[in-house]
Protein backbone atom coordinates (compact mmCIF):
# COMPACT_ATOMS: atom_id res chain seq x y z
CA MET A 1 6.46 -11.59 -30.73
CA GLN A 2 6.65 -8.13 -32.30
CA LYS A 3 2.96 -7.56 -31.55
CA LEU A 4 3.53 -8.51 -27.91
CA CYS A 5 6.47 -6.11 -27.61
CA PHE A 6 4.43 -3.32 -29.22
CA LEU A 7 1.51 -3.98 -26.86
CA LEU A 8 3.80 -3.90 -23.81
CA LEU A 9 5.36 -0.65 -25.04
CA MET A 10 1.92 0.93 -25.42
CA VAL A 11 0.88 -0.17 -21.92
CA VAL A 12 4.13 1.16 -20.43
CA SER A 13 3.82 4.54 -22.12
CA SER A 14 0.15 5.01 -21.20
CA LEU A 15 0.64 4.05 -17.57
CA MET A 16 3.75 6.19 -17.17
CA ALA A 17 1.82 9.22 -18.41
CA SER A 18 -0.22 9.37 -15.18
CA ALA A 19 1.82 9.51 -11.98
CA GLN A 20 1.04 9.60 -8.27
CA SER A 21 1.12 12.78 -6.27
CA ASP A 22 4.09 11.78 -4.09
CA SER A 23 7.75 11.64 -5.17
CA LEU A 24 7.48 8.16 -6.73
CA THR A 25 5.98 7.13 -10.03
CA LYS A 26 3.57 4.23 -10.43
CA THR A 27 6.25 2.26 -12.26
CA ARG A 28 8.73 -0.07 -10.64
CA PHE A 29 11.60 -2.20 -11.88
CA VAL A 30 11.73 -5.77 -10.52
CA ILE A 31 14.34 -8.51 -10.50
CA GLY A 32 13.87 -11.87 -8.84
CA LEU A 33 14.13 -15.62 -8.61
CA SER A 34 11.12 -17.92 -8.57
CA ALA A 35 9.28 -20.91 -9.88
CA PRO A 36 7.93 -20.84 -12.58
CA GLU A 37 9.29 -17.42 -13.66
CA LEU A 38 12.93 -18.53 -13.12
CA LEU A 39 15.58 -15.77 -12.89
CA HIS A 40 13.53 -12.82 -14.16
CA THR A 41 13.48 -9.08 -14.65
CA GLY A 42 10.67 -6.77 -15.64
CA ILE A 43 8.40 -3.85 -14.94
CA SER A 44 5.21 -3.48 -12.93
CA PHE A 45 2.68 -0.66 -12.68
CA ASP A 46 0.46 0.43 -9.82
CA LEU A 47 -3.12 0.77 -11.01
CA GLY A 48 -4.22 2.42 -7.76
CA LYS A 49 -3.60 1.35 -4.19
CA MET A 50 -5.21 -2.07 -4.66
CA ASN A 51 -4.10 -3.30 -8.10
CA GLN A 52 -0.81 -3.84 -9.86
CA PHE A 53 -0.01 -5.24 -13.32
CA GLY A 54 3.42 -6.58 -14.25
CA ALA A 55 5.34 -8.20 -17.08
CA THR A 56 8.68 -9.99 -16.81
CA ALA A 57 11.04 -12.06 -18.92
CA GLY A 58 12.92 -14.93 -17.33
CA ILE A 59 15.64 -17.42 -18.09
CA GLY A 60 16.91 -20.59 -16.45
CA PRO A 61 19.24 -23.53 -17.11
CA SER A 62 17.90 -26.71 -18.68
CA MET A 63 20.12 -29.68 -19.62
CA GLY A 64 22.98 -27.59 -21.05
CA THR A 65 20.71 -24.99 -22.68
CA VAL A 66 18.59 -22.09 -21.44
CA TRP A 67 14.85 -22.06 -20.83
CA PRO A 68 13.31 -18.61 -21.53
CA THR A 69 9.92 -17.47 -20.21
CA LEU A 70 7.53 -14.55 -20.65
CA ASN A 71 5.29 -13.73 -17.69
CA ILE A 72 2.36 -11.46 -16.91
CA GLU A 73 0.78 -11.00 -13.51
CA HIS A 74 -1.93 -9.15 -11.64
CA ARG A 75 -1.76 -8.40 -7.94
CA LEU A 76 -4.75 -7.56 -5.78
CA TYR A 77 -3.55 -5.77 -2.63
CA PHE A 78 -5.41 -5.94 0.67
CA GLY A 79 -4.88 -4.96 4.28
CA LYS A 80 -4.09 -1.71 6.00
CA ILE A 81 -2.28 1.07 4.11
CA ILE A 82 1.28 1.56 5.39
CA THR A 83 1.78 5.28 6.11
CA THR A 84 5.47 5.37 5.14
CA THR A 85 4.84 4.03 1.62
CA ASN A 86 1.16 4.99 1.14
CA ARG A 87 0.58 1.46 -0.22
CA ARG A 88 -0.93 -1.77 1.04
CA ARG A 89 1.46 -4.56 2.06
CA TRP A 90 -0.31 -7.91 1.43
CA PHE A 91 -1.36 -9.18 -1.99
CA PHE A 92 -2.89 -12.09 -3.88
CA LYS A 93 -1.13 -12.71 -7.22
CA GLN A 94 -2.49 -14.37 -10.34
CA GLY A 95 0.04 -14.96 -13.09
CA PHE A 96 0.50 -16.57 -16.48
CA THR A 97 3.85 -17.95 -17.68
CA TRP A 98 4.66 -18.96 -21.23
CA PHE A 99 7.75 -21.10 -21.79
CA THR A 100 8.85 -19.82 -25.19
CA GLU A 101 11.05 -22.78 -26.21
CA ASP A 102 8.20 -25.26 -25.93
CA LYS A 103 5.09 -23.62 -27.38
CA ASP A 104 2.80 -26.04 -25.52
CA GLN A 105 4.11 -25.29 -22.02
CA LYS A 106 2.18 -22.71 -20.05
CA ALA A 107 1.60 -22.22 -16.34
CA LEU A 108 -0.98 -20.47 -14.16
CA THR A 109 0.31 -19.16 -10.83
CA PHE A 110 -1.64 -18.33 -7.67
CA THR A 111 0.27 -16.96 -4.67
CA VAL A 112 -0.10 -14.83 -1.55
CA GLY A 113 2.66 -12.51 -0.42
CA ALA A 114 3.86 -9.22 1.01
CA ASP A 115 5.91 -6.22 -0.06
CA LEU A 116 8.64 -5.67 2.53
CA LYS A 117 9.99 -2.12 2.61
CA SER A 118 13.67 -1.33 2.66
CA LYS A 119 15.16 1.66 4.50
CA ALA A 120 14.67 3.77 1.36
CA SER A 121 11.01 4.41 0.51
CA ASN A 122 11.51 3.70 -3.19
CA ASN A 123 12.71 0.09 -2.94
CA GLY A 124 12.17 -3.14 -1.06
CA TRP A 125 11.62 -6.88 -1.26
CA THR A 126 8.69 -9.06 -2.19
CA ILE A 127 8.15 -12.61 -1.05
CA ASP A 128 5.19 -14.76 -2.02
CA ILE A 129 4.25 -18.40 -1.79
CA GLY A 130 1.57 -20.55 -3.40
CA GLY A 131 1.37 -22.89 -6.32
CA PHE A 132 1.32 -23.11 -10.10
CA VAL A 133 -0.45 -25.40 -12.52
CA LEU A 134 1.61 -26.60 -15.47
CA LEU A 135 -0.93 -26.74 -18.30
CA GLN A 136 -0.63 -29.58 -20.82
CA ASN A 137 -2.12 -29.44 -24.31
CA ASP A 138 -1.86 -33.18 -24.97
CA ARG A 139 -5.00 -35.15 -24.14
CA ASP A 140 -2.97 -38.02 -22.69
CA ARG A 141 -1.29 -35.91 -20.00
CA LYS A 142 -2.93 -34.26 -17.01
CA ASN A 143 -2.27 -30.78 -15.68
CA GLN A 144 0.25 -30.91 -12.85
CA PHE A 145 0.37 -28.78 -9.68
CA TYR A 146 3.70 -27.57 -8.23
CA PRO A 147 4.65 -25.29 -5.33
CA ALA A 148 5.60 -21.71 -6.19
CA LEU A 149 7.96 -19.50 -4.20
CA ARG A 150 9.29 -16.13 -5.30
CA PHE A 151 11.82 -13.62 -4.00
CA GLN A 152 11.91 -10.28 -5.76
CA HIS A 153 13.66 -6.94 -5.32
CA TYR A 154 11.77 -3.87 -6.50
CA ASN A 155 12.73 -0.27 -7.09
CA TYR A 156 10.18 2.48 -7.79
CA PHE A 157 11.29 5.10 -10.25
CA LYS A 158 11.50 8.58 -8.76
CA LYS A 159 9.79 11.51 -10.43
CA ALA A 160 11.94 14.12 -12.07
CA LYS A 161 12.19 17.32 -10.02
CA LYS A 162 10.65 20.37 -11.62
């Protein structure tokens, strides 16, 4: 777990070192509700106008306890560039979720969605829909497919004024 935290810290610091030319950084804070990520919060980074990488931590109720998750995702953006945000709207997301309480539970997520801009240029909403495969390590059980739906609010960090 410490190695994962260190790796995420290194990725965050290296990606935050290079920023876009407009008033927003490439880094955005996200908070959302979805399956399989549950109630989650995290950070994502624009890797150009077509790619984004993100990491979140989630939590959800489970029979009187909590069910924590760690998630990573990659988004491939497509479509026309929106002039007000200088970013593409539509994306295809591939994600990996690790349920930390049960070391054998992992999920692969595949969704399609859109970034919906708010009135302010630095924040908005994301909605995507698709499915996820709950991976089983036991030979007796088969992988199971479930629908995935996610609502997320995002907020780009603004650059400091010089």
